[in-house]
């Protein structure tokens, strides 16, 4: 699994096992999670969370990200892979973030075994 930002700073999650690319539900998305995600992506902070209108072009890759703020890696946060919103994520907006390089698309692959490959 890895995370990326698309052209409108929508946070995307990529599942390397099946090639699925999905958006992240804005449920519980705030500046704490955005700051951790900016660190994870190697982008300058502080991160600020935004919610974009739900794009029907993408299915959900994650239903929530919940961080304490001290994590260096997004995979240390709680990542909800199933719908914990009782169906609300179908209509809630998509998580997006600004990390001081607004509009710059960055990709960082973070493998579950802890090795990283930046592009």
PDB file of N, CA and C in Angstrom:
ATOM      1  N   UNK A   1       0.851  -1.171   0.000  1.00  0.00           N
ATOM      2  CA  UNK A   1       0.000   0.000   0.000  1.00  0.00           C
ATOM      3  C   UNK A   1       0.896   1.233   0.000  1.00  0.00           C
ATOM      4  N   UNK A   2       0.493   2.260  -0.747  1.00  0.00           N
ATOM      5  CA  UNK A   2       1.177   3.536  -0.657  1.00  0.00           C
ATOM      6  C   UNK A   2       0.169   4.653  -0.879  1.00  0.00           C
ATOM      7  N   UNK A   3       0.586   5.853  -0.487  1.00  0.00           N
ATOM      8  CA  UNK A   3      -0.256   7.037  -0.592  1.00  0.00           C
ATOM      9  C   UNK A   3       0.316   7.977  -1.638  1.00  0.00           C
ATOM     10  N   UNK A   4      -0.554   8.754  -2.259  1.00  0.00           N
ATOM     11  CA  UNK A   4      -0.110   9.790  -3.188  1.00  0.00           C
ATOM     12  C   UNK A   4      -1.109  10.934  -3.154  1.00  0.00           C
ATOM     13  N   UNK A   5      -0.686  12.073  -3.713  1.00  0.00           N
ATOM     14  CA  UNK A   5      -1.579  13.207  -3.911  1.00  0.00           C
ATOM     15  C   UNK A   5      -1.820  13.344  -5.397  1.00  0.00           C
ATOM     16  N   UNK A   6      -3.087  13.537  -5.783  1.00  0.00           N
ATOM     17  CA  UNK A   6      -3.325  13.786  -7.197  1.00  0.00           C
ATOM     18  C   UNK A   6      -3.271  15.290  -7.454  1.00  0.00           C
ATOM     19  N   UNK A   7      -3.600  15.735  -8.646  1.00  0.00           N
ATOM     20  CA  UNK A   7      -3.412  17.127  -9.046  1.00  0.00           C
ATOM     21  C   UNK A   7      -4.180  18.128  -8.182  1.00  0.00           C
ATOM     22  N   UNK A   8      -5.323  17.723  -7.604  1.00  0.00           N
ATOM     23  CA  UNK A   8      -6.082  18.648  -6.757  1.00  0.00           C
ATOM     24  C   UNK A   8      -5.817  18.418  -5.269  1.00  0.00           C
ATOM     25  N   UNK A   9      -4.705  17.749  -4.960  1.00  0.00           N
ATOM     26  CA  UNK A   9      -4.277  17.453  -3.588  1.00  0.00           C
ATOM     27  C   UNK A   9      -5.186  16.464  -2.873  1.00  0.00           C
ATOM     28  N   UNK A  10      -5.979  15.717  -3.652  1.00  0.00           N
ATOM     29  CA  UNK A  10      -6.795  14.643  -3.074  1.00  0.00           C
ATOM     30  C   UNK A  10      -5.855  13.514  -2.686  1.00  0.00           C
ATOM     31  N   UNK A  11      -5.963  13.064  -1.462  1.00  0.00           N
ATOM     32  CA  UNK A  11      -5.128  11.981  -0.964  1.00  0.00           C
ATOM     33  C   UNK A  11      -5.662  10.652  -1.487  1.00  0.00           C
ATOM     34  N   UNK A  12      -4.793   9.882  -2.094  1.00  0.00           N
ATOM     35  CA  UNK A  12      -5.186   8.608  -2.683  1.00  0.00           C
ATOM     36  C   UNK A  12      -4.415   7.489  -2.010  1.00  0.00           C
ATOM     37  N   UNK A  13      -5.042   6.323  -1.933  1.00  0.00           N
ATOM     38  CA  UNK A  13      -4.373   5.141  -1.403  1.00  0.00           C
ATOM     39  C   UNK A  13      -4.340   4.105  -2.518  1.00  0.00           C
ATOM     40  N   UNK A  14      -3.175   3.484  -2.675  1.00  0.00           N
ATOM     41  CA  UNK A  14      -2.948   2.502  -3.736  1.00  0.00           C
ATOM     42  C   UNK A  14      -2.701   1.152  -3.093  1.00  0.00           C
ATOM     43  N   UNK A  15      -3.452   0.160  -3.487  1.00  0.00           N
ATOM     44  CA  UNK A  15      -3.281  -1.200  -2.998  1.00  0.00           C
ATOM     45  C   UNK A  15      -2.451  -1.962  -4.023  1.00  0.00           C
ATOM     46  N   UNK A  16      -1.225  -2.288  -3.659  1.00  0.00           N
ATOM     47  CA  UNK A  16      -0.311  -2.916  -4.605  1.00  0.00           C
ATOM     48  C   UNK A  16      -0.669  -4.367  -4.889  1.00  0.00           C
ATOM     49  N   UNK A  17      -1.475  -4.998  -4.052  1.00  0.00           N
ATOM     50  CA  UNK A  17      -1.807  -6.403  -4.286  1.00  0.00           C
ATOM     51  C   UNK A  17      -2.830  -6.575  -5.393  1.00  0.00           C
ATOM     52  N   UNK A  18      -3.748  -5.595  -5.550  1.00  0.00           N
ATOM     53  CA  UNK A  18      -4.776  -5.740  -6.579  1.00  0.00           C
ATOM     54  C   UNK A  18      -4.837  -4.566  -7.558  1.00  0.00           C
ATOM     55  N   UNK A  19      -3.942  -3.582  -7.401  1.00  0.00           N
ATOM     56  CA  UNK A  19      -3.911  -2.446  -8.307  1.00  0.00           C
ATOM     57  C   UNK A  19      -5.001  -1.412  -8.078  1.00  0.00           C
ATOM     58  N   UNK A  20      -5.805  -1.556  -7.028  1.00  0.00           N
ATOM     59  CA  UNK A  20      -6.903  -0.641  -6.732  1.00  0.00           C
ATOM     60  C   UNK A  20      -6.363   0.708  -6.254  1.00  0.00           C
ATOM     61  N   UNK A  21      -6.940   1.785  -6.773  1.00  0.00           N
ATOM     62  CA  UNK A  21      -6.633   3.140  -6.332  1.00  0.00           C
ATOM     63  C   UNK A  21      -7.935   3.743  -5.827  1.00  0.00           C
ATOM     64  N   UNK A  22      -7.936   4.247  -4.609  1.00  0.00           N
ATOM     65  CA  UNK A  22      -9.159   4.796  -4.043  1.00  0.00           C
ATOM     66  C   UNK A  22      -8.920   6.054  -3.249  1.00  0.00           C
ATOM     67  N   UNK A  23      -9.994   6.794  -3.029  1.00  0.00           N
ATOM     68  CA  UNK A  23      -9.930   8.003  -2.210  1.00  0.00           C
ATOM     69  C   UNK A  23     -10.086   7.618  -0.736  1.00  0.00           C
ATOM     70  N   UNK A  24      -9.884   8.605   0.115  1.00  0.00           N
ATOM     71  CA  UNK A  24      -9.989   8.392   1.556  1.00  0.00           C
ATOM     72  C   UNK A  24     -11.131   9.244   2.076  1.00  0.00           C
ATOM     73  N   UNK A  25     -12.044   8.632   2.779  1.00  0.00           N
ATOM     74  CA  UNK A  25     -13.196   9.333   3.341  1.00  0.00           C
ATOM     75  C   UNK A  25     -12.724  10.422   4.301  1.00  0.00           C
ATOM     76  N   UNK A  26     -13.396  11.561   4.265  1.00  0.00           N
ATOM     77  CA  UNK A  26     -13.053  12.674   5.135  1.00  0.00           C
ATOM     78  C   UNK A  26     -13.463  12.501   6.585  1.00  0.00           C
ATOM     79  N   UNK A  27     -14.019  11.357   6.941  1.00  0.00           N
ATOM     80  CA  UNK A  27     -14.425  11.088   8.321  1.00  0.00           C
ATOM     81  C   UNK A  27     -13.215  11.213   9.247  1.00  0.00           C
ATOM     82  N   UNK A  28     -13.305  12.042  10.272  1.00  0.00           N
ATOM     83  CA  UNK A  28     -12.261  12.254  11.274  1.00  0.00           C
ATOM     84  C   UNK A  28     -10.991  12.889  10.707  1.00  0.00           C
ATOM     85  N   UNK A  29     -10.997  13.351   9.463  1.00  0.00           N
ATOM     86  CA  UNK A  29      -9.822  13.937   8.829  1.00  0.00           C
ATOM     87  C   UNK A  29      -9.626  15.360   9.335  1.00  0.00           C
ATOM     88  N   UNK A  30      -8.458  15.640   9.912  1.00  0.00           N
ATOM     89  CA  UNK A  30      -8.182  16.986  10.413  1.00  0.00           C
ATOM     90  C   UNK A  30      -6.689  17.294  10.279  1.00  0.00           C
ATOM     91  N   UNK A  31      -6.268  18.425  10.806  1.00  0.00           N
ATOM     92  CA  UNK A  31      -4.882  18.859  10.656  1.00  0.00           C
ATOM     93  C   UNK A  31      -3.886  17.904  11.309  1.00  0.00           C
ATOM     94  N   UNK A  32      -4.290  17.165  12.331  1.00  0.00           N
ATOM     95  CA  UNK A  32      -3.394  16.196  12.963  1.00  0.00           C
ATOM     96  C   UNK A  32      -2.999  15.113  11.966  1.00  0.00           C
ATOM     97  N   UNK A  33      -3.994  14.541  11.309  1.00  0.00           N
ATOM     98  CA  UNK A  33      -3.709  13.517  10.302  1.00  0.00           C
ATOM     99  C   UNK A  33      -2.949  14.116   9.116  1.00  0.00           C
ATOM    100  N   UNK A  34      -3.298  15.335   8.718  1.00  0.00           N
ATOM    101  CA  UNK A  34      -2.620  15.975   7.591  1.00  0.00           C
ATOM    102  C   UNK A  34      -1.143  16.198   7.890  1.00  0.00           C
ATOM    103  N   UNK A  35      -0.806  16.594   9.114  1.00  0.00           N
ATOM    104  CA  UNK A  35       0.599  16.807   9.482  1.00  0.00           C
ATOM    105  C   UNK A  35       1.384  15.502   9.403  1.00  0.00           C
ATOM    106  N   UNK A  36       0.788  14.420   9.889  1.00  0.00           N
ATOM    107  CA  UNK A  36       1.452  13.111   9.820  1.00  0.00           C
ATOM    108  C   UNK A  36       1.621  12.699   8.364  1.00  0.00           C
ATOM    109  N   UNK A  37       0.604  12.910   7.548  1.00  0.00           N
ATOM    110  CA  UNK A  37       0.687  12.516   6.148  1.00  0.00           C
ATOM    111  C   UNK A  37       1.740  13.333   5.405  1.00  0.00           C
ATOM    112  N   UNK A  38       1.864  14.620   5.708  1.00  0.00           N
ATOM    113  CA  UNK A  38       2.922  15.430   5.088  1.00  0.00           C
ATOM    114  C   UNK A  38       4.295  14.880   5.457  1.00  0.00           C
ATOM    115  N   UNK A  39       4.500  14.541   6.730  1.00  0.00           N
ATOM    116  CA  UNK A  39       5.776  13.932   7.147  1.00  0.00           C
ATOM    117  C   UNK A  39       6.002  12.634   6.397  1.00  0.00           C
ATOM    118  N   UNK A  40       4.968  11.819   6.330  1.00  0.00           N
ATOM    119  CA  UNK A  40       5.055  10.519   5.653  1.00  0.00           C
ATOM    120  C   UNK A  40       5.468  10.693   4.190  1.00  0.00           C
ATOM    121  N   UNK A  41       4.919  11.703   3.523  1.00  0.00           N
ATOM    122  CA  UNK A  41       5.205  11.941   2.122  1.00  0.00           C
ATOM    123  C   UNK A  41       6.502  12.720   1.899  1.00  0.00           C
ATOM    124  N   UNK A  42       7.148  13.134   3.002  1.00  0.00           N
ATOM    125  CA  UNK A  42       8.397  13.879   2.876  1.00  0.00           C
ATOM    126  C   UNK A  42       8.198  15.314   2.429  1.00  0.00           C
ATOM    127  N   UNK A  43       7.025  15.879   2.698  1.00  0.00           N
ATOM    128  CA  UNK A  43       6.709  17.246   2.303  1.00  0.00           C
ATOM    129  C   UNK A  43       6.799  18.169   3.508  1.00  0.00           C
ATOM    130  N   UNK A  44       7.081  19.460   3.266  1.00  0.00           N
ATOM    131  CA  UNK A  44       7.180  20.402   4.382  1.00  0.00           C
ATOM    132  C   UNK A  44       5.824  20.631   5.028  1.00  0.00           C
ATOM    133  N   UNK A  45       5.838  20.929   6.294  1.00  0.00           N
ATOM    134  CA  UNK A  45       4.612  21.201   7.021  1.00  0.00           C
ATOM    135  C   UNK A  45       4.546  22.668   7.382  1.00  0.00           C
ATOM    136  N   UNK A  46       3.618  23.041   8.237  1.00  0.00           N
ATOM    137  CA  UNK A  46       2.660  22.109   8.825  1.00  0.00           C
ATOM    138  C   UNK A  46       1.587  21.727   7.810  1.00  0.00           C
ATOM    139  N   UNK A  47       1.046  20.572   7.975  1.00  0.00           N
ATOM    140  CA  UNK A  47      -0.007  20.116   7.083  1.00  0.00           C
ATOM    141  C   UNK A  47      -1.347  20.698   7.480  1.00  0.00           C
ATOM    142  N   UNK A  48      -2.157  20.981   6.501  1.00  0.00           N
ATOM    143  CA  UNK A  48      -3.523  21.402   6.795  1.00  0.00           C
ATOM    144  C   UNK A  48      -4.489  20.519   6.017  1.00  0.00           C
ATOM    145  N   UNK A  49      -5.506  20.077   6.724  1.00  0.00           N
ATOM    146  CA  UNK A  49      -6.504  19.174   6.150  1.00  0.00           C
ATOM    147  C   UNK A  49      -7.568  19.962   5.414  1.00  0.00           C
ATOM    148  N   UNK A  50      -7.984  19.428   4.295  1.00  0.00           N
ATOM    149  CA  UNK A  50      -9.130  19.964   3.578  1.00  0.00           C
ATOM    150  C   UNK A  50      -9.995  18.785   3.146  1.00  0.00           C
ATOM    151  N   UNK A  51     -11.237  19.088   2.873  1.00  0.00           N
ATOM    152  CA  UNK A  51     -12.171  18.077   2.388  1.00  0.00           C
ATOM    153  C   UNK A  51     -12.665  18.543   1.024  1.00  0.00           C
ATOM    154  N   UNK A  52     -12.496  17.694   0.033  1.00  0.00           N
ATOM    155  CA  UNK A  52     -12.984  17.998  -1.311  1.00  0.00           C
ATOM    156  C   UNK A  52     -14.325  17.304  -1.526  1.00  0.00           C
ATOM    157  N   UNK A  53     -15.114  17.839  -2.431  1.00  0.00           N
ATOM    158  CA  UNK A  53     -16.379  17.200  -2.764  1.00  0.00           C
ATOM    159  C   UNK A  53     -16.120  15.758  -3.182  1.00  0.00           C
ATOM    160  N   UNK A  54     -16.969  14.872  -2.751  1.00  0.00           N
ATOM    161  CA  UNK A  54     -16.839  13.440  -3.037  1.00  0.00           C
ATOM    162  C   UNK A  54     -16.761  13.214  -4.533  1.00  0.00           C
ATOM    163  N   UNK A  55     -15.706  12.556  -4.967  1.00  0.00           N
ATOM    164  CA  UNK A  55     -15.563  12.215  -6.376  1.00  0.00           C
ATOM    165  C   UNK A  55     -16.072  10.798  -6.592  1.00  0.00           C
ATOM    166  N   UNK A  56     -17.034  10.657  -7.473  1.00  0.00           N
ATOM    167  CA  UNK A  56     -17.556   9.328  -7.793  1.00  0.00           C
ATOM    168  C   UNK A  56     -16.641   8.576  -8.753  1.00  0.00           C
ATOM    169  N   UNK A  57     -15.557   9.233  -9.183  1.00  0.00           N
ATOM    170  CA  UNK A  57     -14.585   8.574 -10.055  1.00  0.00           C
ATOM    171  C   UNK A  57     -13.734   7.558  -9.304  1.00  0.00           C
ATOM    172  N   UNK A  58     -13.740   7.649  -7.975  1.00  0.00           N
ATOM    173  CA  UNK A  58     -12.918   6.770  -7.155  1.00  0.00           C
ATOM    174  C   UNK A  58     -13.778   6.072  -6.107  1.00  0.00           C
ATOM    175  N   UNK A  59     -13.529   4.795  -5.918  1.00  0.00           N
ATOM    176  CA  UNK A  59     -14.148   4.115  -4.784  1.00  0.00           C
ATOM    177  C   UNK A  59     -13.301   4.428  -3.555  1.00  0.00           C
ATOM    178  N   UNK A  60     -13.780   4.022  -2.403  1.00  0.00           N
ATOM    179  CA  UNK A  60     -13.044   4.281  -1.166  1.00  0.00           C
ATOM    180  C   UNK A  60     -11.884   3.307  -1.024  1.00  0.00           C
ATOM    181  N   UNK A  61     -10.693   3.870  -0.795  1.00  0.00           N
ATOM    182  CA  UNK A  61      -9.519   3.054  -0.493  1.00  0.00           C
ATOM    183  C   UNK A  61      -9.375   2.860   1.006  1.00  0.00           C
ATOM    184  N   UNK A  62      -9.715   3.907   1.778  1.00  0.00           N
ATOM    185  CA  UNK A  62      -9.740   3.851   3.241  1.00  0.00           C
ATOM    186  C   UNK A  62     -10.954   4.644   3.710  1.00  0.00           C
ATOM    187  N   UNK A  63     -11.476   4.244   4.849  1.00  0.00           N
ATOM    188  CA  UNK A  63     -12.659   4.917   5.381  1.00  0.00           C
ATOM    189  C   UNK A  63     -12.322   5.936   6.457  1.00  0.00           C
ATOM    190  N   UNK A  64     -11.125   5.862   7.030  1.00  0.00           N
ATOM    191  CA  UNK A  64     -10.678   6.862   7.997  1.00  0.00           C
ATOM    192  C   UNK A  64      -9.207   6.635   8.293  1.00  0.00           C
ATOM    193  N   UNK A  65      -8.543   7.730   8.648  1.00  0.00           N
ATOM    194  CA  UNK A  65      -7.188   7.694   9.175  1.00  0.00           C
ATOM    195  C   UNK A  65      -7.251   8.419  10.499  1.00  0.00           C
ATOM    196  N   UNK A  66      -6.773   7.800  11.563  1.00  0.00           N
ATOM    197  CA  UNK A  66      -6.818   8.407  12.886  1.00  0.00           C
ATOM    198  C   UNK A  66      -5.416   8.379  13.474  1.00  0.00           C
ATOM    199  N   UNK A  67      -4.826   9.566  13.648  1.00  0.00           N
ATOM    200  CA  UNK A  67      -3.463   9.689  14.160  1.00  0.00           C
ATOM    201  C   UNK A  67      -3.463  10.478  15.462  1.00  0.00           C
ATOM    202  N   UNK A  68      -2.434  10.282  16.276  1.00  0.00           N
ATOM    203  CA  UNK A  68      -2.268  11.079  17.497  1.00  0.00           C
ATOM    204  C   UNK A  68      -1.506  12.357  17.212  1.00  0.00           C
ATOM    205  N   UNK A  69      -0.715  12.369  16.120  1.00  0.00           N
ATOM    206  CA  UNK A  69       0.082  13.533  15.759  1.00  0.00           C
ATOM    207  C   UNK A  69       1.568  13.322  15.939  1.00  0.00           C
ATOM    208  N   UNK A  70       1.955  12.294  16.681  1.00  0.00           N
ATOM    209  CA  UNK A  70       3.372  12.026  16.934  1.00  0.00           C
ATOM    210  C   UNK A  70       3.978  11.028  15.964  1.00  0.00           C
ATOM    211  N   UNK A  71       3.165  10.433  15.125  1.00  0.00           N
ATOM    212  CA  UNK A  71       3.643   9.401  14.215  1.00  0.00           C
ATOM    213  C   UNK A  71       4.558  10.010  13.148  1.00  0.00           C
ATOM    214  N   UNK A  72       5.607   9.290  12.801  1.00  0.00           N
ATOM    215  CA  UNK A  72       6.487   9.690  11.705  1.00  0.00           C
ATOM    216  C   UNK A  72       6.037   9.076  10.401  1.00  0.00           C
ATOM    217  N   UNK A  73       5.258   8.026  10.499  1.00  0.00           N
ATOM    218  CA  UNK A  73       4.823   7.254   9.344  1.00  0.00           C
ATOM    219  C   UNK A  73       3.311   7.071   9.423  1.00  0.00           C
ATOM    220  N   UNK A  74       2.629   7.259   8.316  1.00  0.00           N
ATOM    221  CA  UNK A  74       1.165   7.130   8.306  1.00  0.00           C
ATOM    222  C   UNK A  74       0.705   5.727   8.671  1.00  0.00           C
ATOM    223  N   UNK A  75       1.559   4.729   8.445  1.00  0.00           N
ATOM    224  CA  UNK A  75       1.170   3.363   8.774  1.00  0.00           C
ATOM    225  C   UNK A  75       1.176   3.097  10.275  1.00  0.00           C
ATOM    226  N   UNK A  76       1.662   4.062  11.068  1.00  0.00           N
ATOM    227  CA  UNK A  76       1.564   3.958  12.529  1.00  0.00           C
ATOM    228  C   UNK A  76       0.224   4.479  13.036  1.00  0.00           C
ATOM    229  N   UNK A  77      -0.559   5.105  12.177  1.00  0.00           N
ATOM    230  CA  UNK A  77      -1.905   5.578  12.528  1.00  0.00           C
ATOM    231  C   UNK A  77      -2.892   4.422  12.389  1.00  0.00           C
ATOM    232  N   UNK A  78      -4.083   4.601  12.936  1.00  0.00           N
ATOM    233  CA  UNK A  78      -5.149   3.627  12.724  1.00  0.00           C
ATOM    234  C   UNK A  78      -5.751   3.884  11.351  1.00  0.00           C
ATOM    235  N   UNK A  79      -5.704   2.872  10.488  1.00  0.00           N
ATOM    236  CA  UNK A  79      -6.232   2.975   9.133  1.00  0.00           C
ATOM    237  C   UNK A  79      -7.465   2.093   9.029  1.00  0.00           C
ATOM    238  N   UNK A  80      -8.619   2.703   8.827  1.00  0.00           N
ATOM    239  CA  UNK A  80      -9.875   1.952   8.749  1.00  0.00           C
ATOM    240  C   UNK A  80     -10.093   1.473   7.318  1.00  0.00           C
ATOM    241  N   UNK A  81      -9.945   0.178   7.114  1.00  0.00           N
ATOM    242  CA  UNK A  81     -10.134  -0.402   5.788  1.00  0.00           C
ATOM    243  C   UNK A  81     -11.573  -0.822   5.534  1.00  0.00           C
ATOM    244  N   UNK A  82     -12.403  -0.799   6.559  1.00  0.00           N
ATOM    245  CA  UNK A  82     -13.825  -1.094   6.379  1.00  0.00           C
ATOM    246  C   UNK A  82     -14.633   0.122   6.841  1.00  0.00           C
ATOM    247  N   UNK A  83     -15.859   0.200   6.410  1.00  0.00           N
ATOM    248  CA  UNK A  83     -16.697   1.368   6.660  1.00  0.00           C
ATOM    249  C   UNK A  83     -17.119   1.421   8.122  1.00  0.00           C
ATOM    250  N   UNK A  84     -16.528   2.366   8.865  1.00  0.00           N
ATOM    251  CA  UNK A  84     -16.878   2.560  10.280  1.00  0.00           C
ATOM    252  C   UNK A  84     -17.885   3.701  10.440  1.00  0.00           C
ATOM    253  N   UNK A  85     -18.371   4.221   9.304  1.00  0.00           N
ATOM    254  CA  UNK A  85     -19.226   5.408   9.331  1.00  0.00           C
ATOM    255  C   UNK A  85     -20.708   5.081   9.211  1.00  0.00           C
ATOM    256  N   UNK A  86     -21.064   3.804   9.268  1.00  0.00           N
ATOM    257  CA  UNK A  86     -22.456   3.397   9.073  1.00  0.00           C
ATOM    258  C   UNK A  86     -23.008   3.905   7.742  1.00  0.00           C
ATOM    259  N   UNK A  87     -22.180   3.863   6.705  1.00  0.00           N
ATOM    260  CA  UNK A  87     -22.600   4.245   5.373  1.00  0.00           C
ATOM    261  C   UNK A  87     -22.437   5.712   5.025  1.00  0.00           C
ATOM    262  N   UNK A  88     -22.044   6.552   6.000  1.00  0.00           N
ATOM    263  CA  UNK A  88     -21.927   7.989   5.728  1.00  0.00           C
ATOM    264  C   UNK A  88     -20.807   8.305   4.736  1.00  0.00           C
ATOM    265  N   UNK A  89     -19.783   7.465   4.655  1.00  0.00           N
ATOM    266  CA  UNK A  89     -18.663   7.753   3.750  1.00  0.00           C
ATOM    267  C   UNK A  89     -19.080   7.760   2.285  1.00  0.00           C
ATOM    268  N   UNK A  90     -20.217   7.200   1.976  1.00  0.00           N
ATOM    269  CA  UNK A  90     -20.699   7.257   0.615  1.00  0.00           C
ATOM    270  C   UNK A  90     -20.988   8.680   0.159  1.00  0.00           C
ATOM    271  N   UNK A  91     -21.313   9.551   1.113  1.00  0.00           N
ATOM    272  CA  UNK A  91     -21.645  10.936   0.794  1.00  0.00           C
ATOM    273  C   UNK A  91     -20.656  11.956   1.338  1.00  0.00           C
ATOM    274  N   UNK A  92     -19.824  11.558   2.306  1.00  0.00           N
ATOM    275  CA  UNK A  92     -18.846  12.494   2.854  1.00  0.00           C
ATOM    276  C   UNK A  92     -17.773  12.797   1.824  1.00  0.00           C
ATOM    277  N   UNK A  93     -17.141  13.963   1.952  1.00  0.00           N
ATOM    278  CA  UNK A  93     -16.104  14.368   1.015  1.00  0.00           C
ATOM    279  C   UNK A  93     -14.841  13.536   1.137  1.00  0.00           C
ATOM    280  N   UNK A  94     -13.917  13.796   0.214  1.00  0.00           N
ATOM    281  CA  UNK A  94     -12.644  13.089   0.163  1.00  0.00           C
ATOM    282  C   UNK A  94     -11.569  13.873   0.903  1.00  0.00           C
ATOM    283  N   UNK A  95     -10.720  13.164   1.622  1.00  0.00           N
ATOM    284  CA  UNK A  95      -9.613  13.786   2.332  1.00  0.00           C
ATOM    285  C   UNK A  95      -8.617  14.363   1.340  1.00  0.00           C
ATOM    286  N   UNK A  96      -8.152  15.574   1.626  1.00  0.00           N
ATOM    287  CA  UNK A  96      -7.116  16.227   0.834  1.00  0.00           C
ATOM    288  C   UNK A  96      -6.230  16.991   1.814  1.00  0.00           C
ATOM    289  N   UNK A  97      -5.048  17.401   1.359  1.00  0.00           N
ATOM    290  CA  UNK A  97      -4.171  18.130   2.262  1.00  0.00           C
ATOM    291  C   UNK A  97      -3.290  19.105   1.513  1.00  0.00           C
ATOM    292  N   UNK A  98      -2.807  20.082   2.263  1.00  0.00           N
ATOM    293  CA  UNK A  98      -1.831  21.053   1.782  1.00  0.00           C
ATOM    294  C   UNK A  98      -0.609  20.932   2.684  1.00  0.00           C
ATOM    295  N   UNK A  99       0.552  20.839   2.066  1.00  0.00           N
ATOM    296  CA  UNK A  99       1.803  20.659   2.816  1.00  0.00           C
ATOM    297  C   UNK A  99       2.838  21.708   2.451  1.00  0.00           C
ATOM    298  N   UNK A 100       2.435  22.866   2.065  1.00  0.00           N
ATOM    299  CA  UNK A 100       3.385  23.903   1.717  1.00  0.00           C
ATOM    300  C   UNK A 100       3.844  23.836   0.268  1.00  0.00           C
ATOM    301  N   UNK A 101       3.460  22.780  -0.458  1.00  0.00           N
ATOM    302  CA  UNK A 101       3.782  22.679  -1.882  1.00  0.00           C
ATOM    303  C   UNK A 101       2.503  22.428  -2.652  1.00  0.00           C
ATOM    304  N   UNK A 102       1.512  23.236  -2.404  1.00  0.00           N
ATOM    305  CA  UNK A 102       0.179  23.072  -3.000  1.00  0.00           C
ATOM    306  C   UNK A 102       0.280  22.819  -4.499  1.00  0.00           C
ATOM    307  N   UNK A 103      -0.401  21.801  -4.929  1.00  0.00           N
ATOM    308  CA  UNK A 103      -0.477  21.486  -6.338  1.00  0.00           C
ATOM    309  C   UNK A 103       0.625  20.573  -6.833  1.00  0.00           C
ATOM    310  N   UNK A 104       1.633  20.348  -6.030  1.00  0.00           N
ATOM    311  CA  UNK A 104       2.713  19.452  -6.450  1.00  0.00           C
ATOM    312  C   UNK A 104       2.307  18.022  -6.155  1.00  0.00           C
ATOM    313  N   UNK A 105       2.303  17.195  -7.152  1.00  0.00           N
ATOM    314  CA  UNK A 105       1.943  15.798  -6.972  1.00  0.00           C
ATOM    315  C   UNK A 105       3.183  15.014  -6.577  1.00  0.00           C
ATOM    316  N   UNK A 106       3.104  14.326  -5.465  1.00  0.00           N
ATOM    317  CA  UNK A 106       4.235  13.576  -4.933  1.00  0.00           C
ATOM    318  C   UNK A 106       3.788  12.153  -4.670  1.00  0.00           C
ATOM    319  N   UNK A 107       4.662  11.222  -4.936  1.00  0.00           N
ATOM    320  CA  UNK A 107       4.348   9.821  -4.675  1.00  0.00           C
ATOM    321  C   UNK A 107       5.449   9.227  -3.834  1.00  0.00           C
ATOM    322  N   UNK A 108       5.085   8.576  -2.765  1.00  0.00           N
ATOM    323  CA  UNK A 108       6.036   7.856  -1.950  1.00  0.00           C
ATOM    324  C   UNK A 108       5.454   6.486  -1.694  1.00  0.00           C
ATOM    325  N   UNK A 109       6.173   5.462  -2.106  1.00  0.00           N
ATOM    326  CA  UNK A 109       5.703   4.108  -1.861  1.00  0.00           C
ATOM    327  C   UNK A 109       6.201   3.670  -0.499  1.00  0.00           C
ATOM    328  N   UNK A 110       5.315   3.176   0.310  1.00  0.00           N
ATOM    329  CA  UNK A 110       5.686   2.692   1.635  1.00  0.00           C
ATOM    330  C   UNK A 110       5.203   1.258   1.755  1.00  0.00           C
ATOM    331  N   UNK A 111       6.115   0.340   1.687  1.00  0.00           N
ATOM    332  CA  UNK A 111       5.757  -1.064   1.723  1.00  0.00           C
ATOM    333  C   UNK A 111       5.509  -1.503   3.155  1.00  0.00           C
ATOM    334  N   UNK A 112       4.646  -2.459   3.315  1.00  0.00           N
ATOM    335  CA  UNK A 112       4.267  -2.914   4.643  1.00  0.00           C
ATOM    336  C   UNK A 112       5.436  -3.506   5.416  1.00  0.00           C
ATOM    337  N   UNK A 113       6.495  -3.963   4.740  1.00  0.00           N
ATOM    338  CA  UNK A 113       7.625  -4.536   5.453  1.00  0.00           C
ATOM    339  C   UNK A 113       8.616  -3.470   5.911  1.00  0.00           C
ATOM    340  N   UNK A 114       8.295  -2.202   5.691  1.00  0.00           N
ATOM    341  CA  UNK A 114       9.108  -1.127   6.240  1.00  0.00           C
ATOM    342  C   UNK A 114      10.128  -0.539   5.293  1.00  0.00           C
ATOM    343  N   UNK A 115      10.292  -1.069   4.091  1.00  0.00           N
ATOM    344  CA  UNK A 115      11.235  -0.455   3.169  1.00  0.00           C
ATOM    345  C   UNK A 115      10.513   0.564   2.311  1.00  0.00           C
ATOM    346  N   UNK A 116      11.222   1.622   1.933  1.00  0.00           N
ATOM    347  CA  UNK A 116      10.625   2.721   1.202  1.00  0.00           C
ATOM    348  C   UNK A 116      11.280   2.891  -0.157  1.00  0.00           C
ATOM    349  N   UNK A 117      10.503   3.352  -1.113  1.00  0.00           N
ATOM    350  CA  UNK A 117      10.999   3.632  -2.440  1.00  0.00           C
ATOM    351  C   UNK A 117      10.340   4.915  -2.914  1.00  0.00           C
ATOM    352  N   UNK A 118      11.069   6.016  -2.952  1.00  0.00           N
ATOM    353  CA  UNK A 118      10.502   7.315  -3.336  1.00  0.00           C
ATOM    354  C   UNK A 118      10.586   7.520  -4.826  1.00  0.00           C
ATOM    355  N   UNK A 119       9.558   8.164  -5.380  1.00  0.00           N
ATOM    356  CA  UNK A 119       9.536   8.520  -6.808  1.00  0.00           C
ATOM    357  C   UNK A 119       9.204   9.980  -6.942  1.00  0.00           C
TER     358      UNK A 119
END
